[in-house]
């Protein structure tokens, strides 16, 4: 299957996904639009992207840009809102294409989609901003005409102009001789100041890296710089400057747009693409290494049985096997993290799954001198879960507790289950794993579920990330409480649904 065939076959499904994301996540203005209208515009945008990617024909998307610019300008949409709407197509494709394509085919498909979206957004941005500037310029020219004709009409026009400028979401300012003589509320909000206090300020003190007269930037259609807040912190902005007449005298008018979110979004997309590549590499490497480790382990076991080893050599063999198991566990976590999680839930006695998990650690618990207290609620009914995935949850939580108790004097591990009967459809299964170990400071609690963050001596920080994935896939949640030198409590909550007879 090539990319164009994929786009044709999945057209309706992708458009539906695009419409739902557009309505739910883009902005309040989009959420109030009728789904029929959004589907019509999204379908045109999709077909325009298809024409670019598969036919190298830009005419459909150019026509759509003219159409959507007129519609969104009339209804008060900002440039960034519509840019986000276009970018949803890229996000959807980044999530879908790796499920169908691999290797060079995936890279080429992602590149085609990315180029189409980038060029579309750039062309739309230029056209949208141009139309917006035409409206502003037309208004200013009409205002100047009115000044020359009648003073009273000038007064009325200025009032309308100020209302327009104050209501736009972008920062707007007018400066003369390198100092601001007007600033709207939006610019004041961006900089954390009352707009009245900006009048008289030097242009160069408000926008970092700017020296001398701002007229030097007129040769650039749009340029990026940094704005300086009242607390001296900085954030990225995009500025467009134009020559105007203000109060009958020449001046420079600027539109300032906060592009923090846009830049953060671009970084997130790049990071997502990077993680996709790393994930595929990790999968390939992990498979190969696990195969080799399995072979090494089998051969070490054979040598153990055949060779007459003295005590130290026997211990060395056990060290080899233990380290092989440790590496295998790390690779297992890596493989689980790097691929989509698929579960096959069935009805299980969860108390029995918990008991089996504890039994798997019997030798390790006894060797560490850890006292284990198990408190299982007999009222817990069977739960519909994927047993293999839940073993990942139980094993990681118990292993973390053992690690936390390694240097503790009071080595106590408590595992309990409870069935919370809240009535109706809100009945829940709860499992608590608590230890009396070293505990964690509050700053670390905010990070322990993040990939590759670890406080353990041996680990790569994927165990708890995989735990969260499993629990969320089951529709549940996990919470953690901890105090330094007092212990840690993990609380897992899973929903329960009555089995249909």
Protein backbone atom coordinates (compact mmCIF):
# COMPACT_ATOMS: atom_id res chain seq x y z
CA UNK A 1 0.00 0.00 0.00
CA UNK A 2 1.41 3.41 -0.96
CA UNK A 3 0.56 6.71 0.74
CA UNK A 4 -1.98 7.82 -1.88
CA UNK A 5 -3.88 4.54 -1.65
CA UNK A 6 -3.84 4.85 2.15
CA UNK A 7 -5.26 8.39 1.94
CA UNK A 8 -8.06 7.28 -0.42
CA UNK A 9 -9.06 4.23 1.62
CA UNK A 10 -9.01 6.04 4.99
CA UNK A 11 -10.43 9.38 3.82
CA UNK A 12 -13.71 9.26 5.73
CA UNK A 13 -12.18 7.89 8.94
CA UNK A 14 -9.39 10.50 9.00
CA UNK A 15 -11.81 13.34 8.26
CA UNK A 16 -14.03 12.20 11.16
CA UNK A 17 -10.99 12.11 13.48
CA UNK A 18 -9.92 15.57 12.27
CA UNK A 19 -13.40 17.02 12.87
CA UNK A 20 -13.59 15.61 16.39
CA UNK A 21 -10.14 16.93 17.38
CA UNK A 22 -10.91 20.29 15.77
CA UNK A 23 -14.14 20.61 17.74
CA UNK A 24 -12.75 19.39 21.08
CA UNK A 25 -9.23 20.70 21.37
CA UNK A 26 -8.52 23.68 19.10
CA UNK A 27 -10.39 26.63 20.61
CA UNK A 28 -13.73 27.80 22.00
CA UNK A 29 -14.63 29.31 18.63
CA UNK A 30 -14.24 25.95 16.90
CA UNK A 31 -16.15 24.10 19.61
CA UNK A 32 -19.22 26.28 18.95
CA UNK A 33 -19.26 25.61 15.19
CA UNK A 34 -21.67 23.02 13.85
CA UNK A 35 -20.07 19.66 13.05
CA UNK A 36 -21.61 19.74 9.56
CA UNK A 37 -19.76 22.98 8.80
CA UNK A 38 -16.49 21.64 10.24
CA UNK A 39 -16.82 18.43 8.22
CA UNK A 40 -17.32 20.42 5.02
CA UNK A 41 -14.24 22.58 5.59
CA UNK A 42 -12.10 19.64 6.83
CA UNK A 43 -13.08 17.55 3.80
CA UNK A 44 -11.92 20.34 1.49
CA UNK A 45 -8.67 20.71 3.42
CA UNK A 46 -8.10 16.94 3.28
CA UNK A 47 -8.74 16.78 -0.47
CA UNK A 48 -6.43 19.77 -0.96
CA UNK A 49 -3.62 17.98 0.92
CA UNK A 50 -4.27 14.83 -1.11
CA UNK A 51 -4.00 16.82 -4.35
CA UNK A 52 -0.65 18.26 -3.21
CA UNK A 53 0.78 14.96 -1.99
CA UNK A 54 -0.44 12.68 -4.79
CA UNK A 55 -0.97 14.96 -7.82
CA UNK A 56 1.49 17.77 -7.01
CA UNK A 57 -1.39 20.13 -7.75
CA UNK A 58 -1.67 23.17 -5.46
CA UNK A 59 -4.79 24.70 -7.03
CA UNK A 60 -7.39 22.97 -4.74
CA UNK A 61 -5.57 23.96 -1.55
CA UNK A 62 -4.97 27.50 -2.84
CA UNK A 63 -8.69 27.86 -3.54
CA UNK A 64 -9.50 26.49 -0.10
CA UNK A 65 -7.09 28.95 1.57
CA UNK A 66 -8.95 31.87 -0.09
CA UNK A 67 -12.29 30.40 1.01
CA UNK A 68 -11.35 29.62 4.62
CA UNK A 69 -9.54 32.95 5.10
CA UNK A 70 -12.66 34.90 4.16
CA UNK A 71 -14.86 32.71 6.39
CA UNK A 72 -12.60 32.83 9.46
CA UNK A 73 -11.81 36.53 9.20
CA UNK A 74 -15.54 37.31 9.04
CA UNK A 75 -16.14 35.26 12.17
CA UNK A 76 -13.27 36.68 14.21
CA UNK A 77 -10.89 33.70 14.20
CA UNK A 78 -7.22 34.39 14.93
CA UNK A 79 -4.36 33.27 12.71
CA UNK A 80 -3.05 30.81 15.32
CA UNK A 81 -6.45 29.11 15.68
CA UNK A 82 -6.64 28.27 11.97
CA UNK A 83 -2.95 27.27 11.90
CA UNK A 84 -3.68 24.75 14.66
CA UNK A 85 -6.65 23.46 12.65
CA UNK A 86 -4.41 22.80 9.62
CA UNK A 87 -1.74 21.15 11.83
CA UNK A 88 -4.20 18.53 13.16
CA UNK A 89 -3.81 16.67 9.85
CA UNK A 90 -0.09 16.22 10.57
CA UNK A 91 -0.75 14.99 14.12
CA UNK A 92 -3.30 12.42 12.89
CA UNK A 93 -0.95 11.14 10.20
CA UNK A 94 2.01 10.90 12.62
CA UNK A 95 -0.11 8.64 14.80
CA UNK A 96 -1.57 6.54 11.95
CA UNK A 97 1.22 6.09 9.40
CA UNK A 98 3.56 4.05 11.70
CA UNK A 99 0.77 1.47 12.00
CA UNK A 100 0.89 0.84 8.23
CA UNK A 101 4.33 1.87 6.95
CA UNK A 102 7.85 1.10 8.13
CA UNK A 103 11.43 2.07 7.34
CA UNK A 104 12.00 4.20 4.28
CA UNK A 105 8.32 4.05 3.26
CA UNK A 106 7.34 5.57 6.61
CA UNK A 107 10.01 8.28 6.36
CA UNK A 108 8.90 9.23 2.84
CA UNK A 109 5.23 9.26 3.85
CA UNK A 110 5.90 11.43 6.91
CA UNK A 111 8.06 13.77 4.82
CA UNK A 112 5.31 14.16 2.18
CA UNK A 113 2.67 14.90 4.79
CA UNK A 114 4.97 17.27 6.71
CA UNK A 115 5.92 19.21 3.57
CA UNK A 116 2.27 19.51 2.50
CA UNK A 117 1.15 20.78 5.92
CA UNK A 118 4.11 23.15 6.35
CA UNK A 119 3.71 24.77 2.94
CA UNK A 120 -0.08 24.95 3.37
CA UNK A 121 0.24 26.67 6.75
CA UNK A 122 2.89 29.07 5.41
CA UNK A 123 0.79 30.00 2.37
CA UNK A 124 -2.34 30.37 4.48
CA UNK A 125 -0.47 32.48 7.08
CA UNK A 126 0.84 34.83 4.40
CA UNK A 127 -2.56 35.15 2.75
CA UNK A 128 -4.46 35.50 6.06
CA UNK A 129 -2.05 38.09 7.40
CA UNK A 130 -2.08 39.90 4.08
CA UNK A 131 -5.87 40.13 4.06
CA UNK A 132 -5.82 41.20 7.71
CA UNK A 133 -3.24 43.86 6.94
CA UNK A 134 -5.26 45.00 3.91
CA UNK A 135 -8.24 45.53 6.17
CA UNK A 136 -6.11 47.39 8.70
CA UNK A 137 -4.39 49.46 6.01
CA UNK A 138 -7.69 50.21 4.30
CA UNK A 139 -9.12 51.31 7.59
CA UNK A 140 -6.13 53.56 8.34
CA UNK A 141 -6.26 55.10 4.87
CA UNK A 142 -9.96 55.76 5.22
CA UNK A 143 -9.24 57.25 8.63
CA UNK A 144 -6.70 59.65 7.13
CA UNK A 145 -9.20 60.68 4.47
CA UNK A 146 -11.74 61.41 7.12
CA UNK A 147 -9.19 63.55 9.01
CA UNK A 148 -8.73 65.71 5.93
CA UNK A 149 -12.48 66.11 5.39
CA UNK A 150 -14.13 66.62 8.76
CA UNK A 151 -12.80 66.78 12.31
CA UNK A 152 -15.93 65.22 13.75
CA UNK A 153 -15.75 62.25 11.38
CA UNK A 154 -12.12 61.83 12.38
CA UNK A 155 -13.15 61.66 16.01
CA UNK A 156 -15.76 58.98 15.29
CA UNK A 157 -13.39 56.99 13.10
CA UNK A 158 -10.66 57.08 15.73
CA UNK A 159 -13.11 55.68 18.24
CA UNK A 160 -14.01 52.83 15.90
CA UNK A 161 -10.34 52.21 15.19
CA UNK A 162 -9.43 52.05 18.86
CA UNK A 163 -12.30 49.66 19.50
CA UNK A 164 -11.05 47.39 16.72
CA UNK A 165 -7.46 47.49 17.95
CA UNK A 166 -8.42 46.93 21.58
CA UNK A 167 -10.54 43.91 20.73
CA UNK A 168 -7.99 41.98 18.65
CA UNK A 169 -6.09 39.20 20.39
CA UNK A 170 -2.70 40.23 19.00
CA UNK A 171 -0.63 42.99 20.55
CA UNK A 172 -0.85 46.26 18.63
CA UNK A 173 1.29 49.34 19.10
CA UNK A 174 2.23 52.60 17.40
CA UNK A 175 5.65 54.17 17.85
CA UNK A 176 7.39 57.32 16.74
CA UNK A 177 11.07 58.19 17.20
CA UNK A 178 11.69 54.75 18.79
CA UNK A 179 9.08 55.29 21.53
CA UNK A 180 5.58 53.90 21.88
CA UNK A 181 2.76 56.41 21.60
CA UNK A 182 -0.03 53.82 21.74
CA UNK A 183 -0.40 50.21 22.99
CA UNK A 184 -3.55 48.09 23.13
CA UNK A 185 -4.74 45.89 26.01
CA UNK A 186 -3.48 42.69 24.38
CA UNK A 187 0.12 43.98 24.29
CA UNK A 188 -0.15 45.10 27.90
CA UNK A 189 -1.42 41.63 28.85
CA UNK A 190 1.46 39.95 27.03
CA UNK A 191 4.05 42.06 28.87
CA UNK A 192 2.28 41.92 32.24
CA UNK A 193 1.74 45.69 32.34
CA UNK A 194 -1.04 48.22 32.09
CA UNK A 195 -1.05 49.38 28.44
CA UNK A 196 -0.98 53.02 29.60
CA UNK A 197 2.43 52.50 31.21
CA UNK A 198 3.87 51.36 27.87
CA UNK A 199 3.38 54.78 26.30
CA UNK A 200 6.72 56.55 26.27
CA UNK A 201 8.73 53.33 26.63
CA UNK A 202 11.60 52.71 24.23
CA UNK A 203 10.87 50.11 21.55
CA UNK A 204 14.29 48.57 22.21
CA UNK A 205 13.56 47.94 25.91
CA UNK A 206 10.35 46.05 25.17
CA UNK A 207 11.73 43.80 22.45
CA UNK A 208 15.05 42.10 23.17
CA UNK A 209 17.89 42.32 20.70
CA UNK A 210 16.51 45.39 18.94
CA UNK A 211 18.90 48.32 18.65
CA UNK A 212 18.33 51.74 17.16
CA UNK A 213 15.25 52.74 15.20
CA UNK A 214 12.64 50.01 14.55
CA UNK A 215 12.36 51.30 10.97
CA UNK A 216 15.37 49.09 10.23
CA UNK A 217 12.99 46.11 10.45
CA UNK A 218 10.58 47.46 7.82
CA UNK A 219 12.42 45.60 5.07
CA UNK A 220 11.36 42.32 6.67
CA UNK A 221 7.75 41.27 6.12
CA UNK A 222 7.56 39.38 9.42
CA UNK A 223 10.39 38.89 11.87
CA UNK A 224 10.85 37.02 15.12
CA UNK A 225 12.34 38.42 18.31
CA UNK A 226 11.76 38.24 22.07
CA UNK A 227 9.43 40.42 24.13
CA UNK A 228 10.46 41.44 27.65
CA UNK A 229 7.92 41.14 30.47
CA UNK A 230 7.79 43.40 33.51
CA UNK A 231 9.69 40.74 35.51
CA UNK A 232 12.45 40.75 32.82
CA UNK A 233 11.54 37.27 31.59
CA UNK A 234 11.40 36.83 27.82
CA UNK A 235 9.14 34.98 25.38
CA UNK A 236 9.20 34.61 21.58
CA UNK A 237 7.05 36.90 19.43
CA UNK A 238 6.44 37.58 15.77
CA UNK A 239 6.22 41.24 14.69
CA UNK A 240 5.01 42.96 11.54
CA UNK A 241 5.72 46.71 11.12
CA UNK A 242 4.02 49.15 8.74
CA UNK A 243 4.29 52.87 8.07
CA UNK A 244 1.12 54.72 9.06
CA UNK A 245 -0.07 58.21 9.95
CA UNK A 246 -1.16 58.67 13.53
CA UNK A 247 -2.56 61.94 14.81
CA UNK A 248 -1.73 63.37 11.40
CA UNK A 249 2.01 62.54 11.65
CA UNK A 250 4.11 59.66 10.24
CA UNK A 251 4.53 56.71 12.61
CA UNK A 252 5.16 52.97 12.67
CA UNK A 253 2.37 50.55 13.59
CA UNK A 254 3.24 47.04 14.74
CA UNK A 255 1.30 43.82 15.23
CA UNK A 256 2.91 41.57 17.84
CA UNK A 257 1.93 37.90 18.12
CA UNK A 258 2.97 35.57 20.96
CA UNK A 259 4.36 32.43 19.27
CA UNK A 260 5.33 30.55 22.42
CA UNK A 261 2.73 27.84 21.89
CA UNK A 262 3.49 27.53 18.19
CA UNK A 263 7.19 27.00 18.86
CA UNK A 264 6.44 24.58 21.69
CA UNK A 265 4.11 22.66 19.40
CA UNK A 266 6.81 22.42 16.73
CA UNK A 267 9.29 21.14 19.31
CA UNK A 268 6.77 18.56 20.53
CA UNK A 269 6.17 17.33 17.01
CA UNK A 270 9.90 16.99 16.36
CA UNK A 271 10.35 15.19 19.67
CA UNK A 272 7.47 12.86 18.82
CA UNK A 273 9.02 12.01 15.47
CA UNK A 274 12.38 11.45 17.13
CA UNK A 275 10.84 9.09 19.69
CA UNK A 276 9.14 7.14 16.90
CA UNK A 277 12.51 6.51 15.26
CA UNK A 278 14.16 5.67 18.59
CA UNK A 279 11.29 3.32 19.42
CA UNK A 280 11.74 1.35 16.20
CA UNK A 281 15.49 1.15 16.68
CA UNK A 282 15.02 0.02 20.28
CA UNK A 283 12.60 -2.70 19.18
CA UNK A 284 15.04 -4.10 16.62
CA UNK A 285 18.03 -3.99 18.99
CA UNK A 286 16.07 -5.40 21.93
CA UNK A 287 14.82 -8.38 19.91
CA UNK A 288 18.30 -9.23 18.71
CA UNK A 289 19.90 -8.81 22.13
CA UNK A 290 17.19 -10.89 23.86
CA UNK A 291 17.74 -13.72 21.37
CA UNK A 292 21.46 -13.68 22.12
CA UNK A 293 20.88 -13.52 25.88
CA UNK A 294 18.52 -16.51 25.69
CA UNK A 295 21.19 -18.48 23.85
CA UNK A 296 23.84 -17.47 26.41
CA UNK A 297 21.57 -18.43 29.31
CA UNK A 298 20.79 -21.87 27.86
CA UNK A 299 24.45 -22.59 27.26
CA UNK A 300 25.45 -21.45 30.76
CA UNK A 301 22.85 -23.82 32.23
CA UNK A 302 24.24 -26.67 30.13
CA UNK A 303 27.79 -25.90 31.28
CA UNK A 304 26.61 -25.81 34.91
CA UNK A 305 25.31 -29.33 34.63
CA UNK A 306 28.26 -30.73 32.71
CA UNK A 307 31.22 -29.05 34.41
CA UNK A 308 32.57 -29.97 37.83
CA UNK A 309 32.73 -26.45 39.25
CA UNK A 310 34.29 -25.43 42.52
CA UNK A 311 32.41 -23.11 44.89
CA UNK A 312 33.70 -19.79 43.50
CA UNK A 313 33.08 -20.88 39.92
CA UNK A 314 29.52 -21.91 40.79
CA UNK A 315 28.94 -18.49 42.32
CA UNK A 316 30.35 -16.84 39.20
CA UNK A 317 27.93 -18.82 37.05
CA UNK A 318 25.02 -17.67 39.22
CA UNK A 319 26.20 -14.06 38.88
CA UNK A 320 26.22 -14.47 35.10
CA UNK A 321 22.67 -15.87 35.13
CA UNK A 322 21.44 -13.16 37.47
CA UNK A 323 22.87 -10.43 35.26
CA UNK A 324 21.34 -12.09 32.19
CA UNK A 325 17.92 -12.01 33.90
CA UNK A 326 18.49 -8.35 34.82
CA UNK A 327 19.33 -7.45 31.20
CA UNK A 328 16.37 -9.45 29.96
CA UNK A 329 14.06 -7.47 32.28
CA UNK A 330 15.45 -4.17 30.95
CA UNK A 331 14.93 -5.30 27.37
CA UNK A 332 11.42 -6.50 28.19
CA UNK A 333 10.57 -3.04 29.57
CA UNK A 334 12.07 -1.41 26.49
CA UNK A 335 10.08 -3.60 24.08
CA UNK A 336 6.86 -3.00 25.98
CA UNK A 337 7.41 0.76 25.98
CA UNK A 338 8.38 0.99 22.30
CA UNK A 339 5.31 -0.67 20.80
CA UNK A 340 1.54 -0.13 21.04
CA UNK A 341 -0.01 -1.79 24.07
CA UNK A 342 -2.66 -4.35 23.14
CA UNK A 343 -4.72 -6.08 25.83
CA UNK A 344 -7.19 -8.99 25.78
CA UNK A 345 -9.29 -8.62 28.95
CA UNK A 346 -10.94 -11.67 30.51
CA UNK A 347 -12.61 -12.31 33.85
CA UNK A 348 -10.05 -13.13 36.58
CA UNK A 349 -9.88 -13.48 40.33
CA UNK A 350 -7.60 -10.50 40.91
CA UNK A 351 -6.78 -11.60 44.47
CA UNK A 352 -5.36 -14.79 42.99
CA UNK A 353 -3.27 -12.77 40.49
CA UNK A 354 -1.90 -10.72 43.41
CA UNK A 355 -1.04 -13.87 45.39
CA UNK A 356 0.80 -15.36 42.41
CA UNK A 357 2.74 -12.13 41.96
CA UNK A 358 3.91 -12.24 45.59
CA UNK A 359 4.90 -15.92 45.21
CA UNK A 360 7.13 -15.00 42.28
CA UNK A 361 9.13 -12.82 44.67
CA UNK A 362 9.18 -15.27 47.63
CA UNK A 363 12.88 -16.10 47.36
CA UNK A 364 13.90 -12.48 46.91
CA UNK A 365 11.71 -11.31 49.81
CA UNK A 366 13.08 -13.99 52.14
CA UNK A 367 16.67 -13.28 51.14
CA UNK A 368 16.16 -9.55 51.83
CA UNK A 369 14.51 -10.24 55.21
CA UNK A 370 11.33 -8.38 54.25
CA UNK A 371 8.16 -8.98 56.24
CA UNK A 372 5.16 -9.23 53.93
CA UNK A 373 1.59 -8.59 55.05
CA UNK A 374 -1.17 -9.45 52.58
CA UNK A 375 -4.67 -8.16 53.22
CA UNK A 376 -7.04 -9.34 50.48
CA UNK A 377 -10.71 -8.36 50.52
CA UNK A 378 -12.86 -11.48 50.04
CA UNK A 379 -15.61 -9.24 48.64
CA UNK A 380 -13.53 -8.46 45.52
CA UNK A 381 -15.40 -9.99 42.56
CA UNK A 382 -13.81 -11.21 39.37
CA UNK A 383 -12.44 -8.33 37.30
CA UNK A 384 -12.15 -8.11 33.53
CA UNK A 385 -8.43 -7.54 32.93
CA UNK A 386 -5.53 -8.70 30.80
CA UNK A 387 -3.60 -10.97 33.18
CA UNK A 388 -0.23 -10.60 31.45
CA UNK A 389 -0.47 -6.81 31.54
CA UNK A 390 -1.56 -6.80 35.18
CA UNK A 391 1.47 -9.00 36.03
CA UNK A 392 3.59 -6.10 34.73
CA UNK A 393 1.83 -3.77 37.19
CA UNK A 394 2.15 -6.10 40.20
CA UNK A 395 5.75 -7.12 39.47
CA UNK A 396 6.98 -3.54 39.02
CA UNK A 397 5.30 -2.27 42.18
CA UNK A 398 6.64 -5.16 44.28
CA UNK A 399 10.14 -4.86 42.76
CA UNK A 400 10.18 -1.12 43.49
CA UNK A 401 9.16 -1.78 47.10
CA UNK A 402 11.94 -4.33 47.55
CA UNK A 403 14.46 -1.83 46.17
CA UNK A 404 13.15 0.88 48.53
CA UNK A 405 13.48 -1.48 51.52
CA UNK A 406 17.03 -2.60 50.73
CA UNK A 407 18.65 -0.20 53.23
CA UNK A 408 15.75 0.10 55.67
CA UNK A 409 15.87 -1.29 59.21
CA UNK A 410 12.11 -1.86 59.43
CA UNK A 411 11.56 -3.93 56.30
CA UNK A 412 7.82 -4.19 55.95
CA UNK A 413 5.78 -4.59 52.77
CA UNK A 414 1.98 -4.47 52.82
CA UNK A 415 -0.25 -5.41 49.89
CA UNK A 416 -4.00 -5.02 50.20
CA UNK A 417 -7.06 -5.15 47.96
CA UNK A 418 -10.51 -3.65 48.43
CA UNK A 419 -13.80 -3.52 46.56
CA UNK A 420 -15.30 -0.03 46.72
CA UNK A 421 -19.06 -0.33 46.36
CA UNK A 422 -20.17 3.21 45.67
CA UNK A 423 -23.48 2.20 44.12
CA UNK A 424 -24.64 2.39 40.52
CA UNK A 425 -21.90 2.00 37.90
CA UNK A 426 -19.20 3.51 40.10
CA UNK A 427 -17.90 0.33 41.74
CA UNK A 428 -14.12 0.09 41.80
CA UNK A 429 -11.31 -2.34 42.60
CA UNK A 430 -8.46 -0.85 44.64
CA UNK A 431 -5.02 -2.30 45.33
CA UNK A 432 -2.52 -0.64 47.68
CA UNK A 433 1.20 -1.48 47.81
CA UNK A 434 2.96 0.25 50.70
CA UNK A 435 6.47 -0.09 52.11
CA UNK A 436 8.38 1.33 55.06
CA UNK A 437 11.41 2.11 52.94
CA UNK A 438 13.47 5.19 52.11
CA UNK A 439 10.63 7.17 50.53
CA UNK A 440 10.88 9.90 47.92
CA UNK A 441 11.06 13.72 48.14
CA UNK A 442 8.09 15.61 46.70
CA UNK A 443 10.08 16.88 43.71
CA UNK A 444 10.73 13.31 42.54
CA UNK A 445 7.09 12.25 42.95
CA UNK A 446 6.17 14.54 40.06
CA UNK A 447 8.58 12.71 37.73
CA UNK A 448 8.58 9.01 38.65
CA UNK A 449 5.98 8.10 36.01
CA UNK A 450 7.93 9.88 33.25
CA UNK A 451 9.81 7.65 30.76
CA UNK A 452 13.52 7.13 31.52
CA UNK A 453 13.31 8.72 34.98
CA UNK A 454 14.55 6.35 37.67
CA UNK A 455 15.74 6.42 41.28
CA UNK A 456 16.77 2.76 41.29
CA UNK A 457 20.36 1.58 41.12
CA UNK A 458 19.55 -0.88 38.34
CA UNK A 459 16.99 0.28 35.81
CA UNK A 460 16.32 2.59 32.89
CA UNK A 461 13.14 4.24 34.16
CA UNK A 462 10.54 2.47 32.03
CA UNK A 463 8.92 0.23 34.67
CA UNK A 464 6.48 2.75 36.12
CA UNK A 465 5.85 4.29 32.68
CA UNK A 466 4.69 0.88 31.51
CA UNK A 467 2.61 0.49 34.68
CA UNK A 468 0.77 3.73 33.88
CA UNK A 469 0.16 2.62 30.29
CA UNK A 470 -1.35 -0.69 31.42
CA UNK A 471 -3.57 0.92 34.05
CA UNK A 472 -4.81 3.64 31.70
CA UNK A 473 -5.51 1.02 29.02
CA UNK A 474 -7.78 -0.66 31.58
CA UNK A 475 -9.54 2.66 32.28
CA UNK A 476 -7.99 3.02 35.74
CA UNK A 477 -5.64 5.35 37.58
CA UNK A 478 -2.61 5.20 39.88
CA UNK A 479 -1.63 7.55 42.70
CA UNK A 480 1.49 7.72 44.84
CA UNK A 481 2.22 9.14 48.29
CA UNK A 482 5.66 9.17 49.86
CA UNK A 483 7.64 10.67 52.70
CA UNK A 484 11.41 10.55 53.01
CA UNK A 485 12.55 7.82 55.48
CA UNK A 486 8.92 6.85 56.16
CA UNK A 487 7.88 4.91 53.10
CA UNK A 488 5.85 4.98 49.90
CA UNK A 489 2.27 4.06 49.03
CA UNK A 490 1.06 3.20 45.51
CA UNK A 491 -2.71 3.08 45.05
CA UNK A 492 -4.13 1.44 41.89
CA UNK A 493 -7.83 1.88 41.09
CA UNK A 494 -9.61 -0.05 38.31
CA UNK A 495 -13.26 0.20 37.26
CA UNK A 496 -15.50 -2.85 37.64
CA UNK A 497 -18.39 -3.72 35.38
CA UNK A 498 -20.92 -6.40 36.18
CA UNK A 499 -20.61 -9.43 33.93
CA UNK A 500 -23.62 -9.79 31.66
CA UNK A 501 -25.43 -13.11 32.04
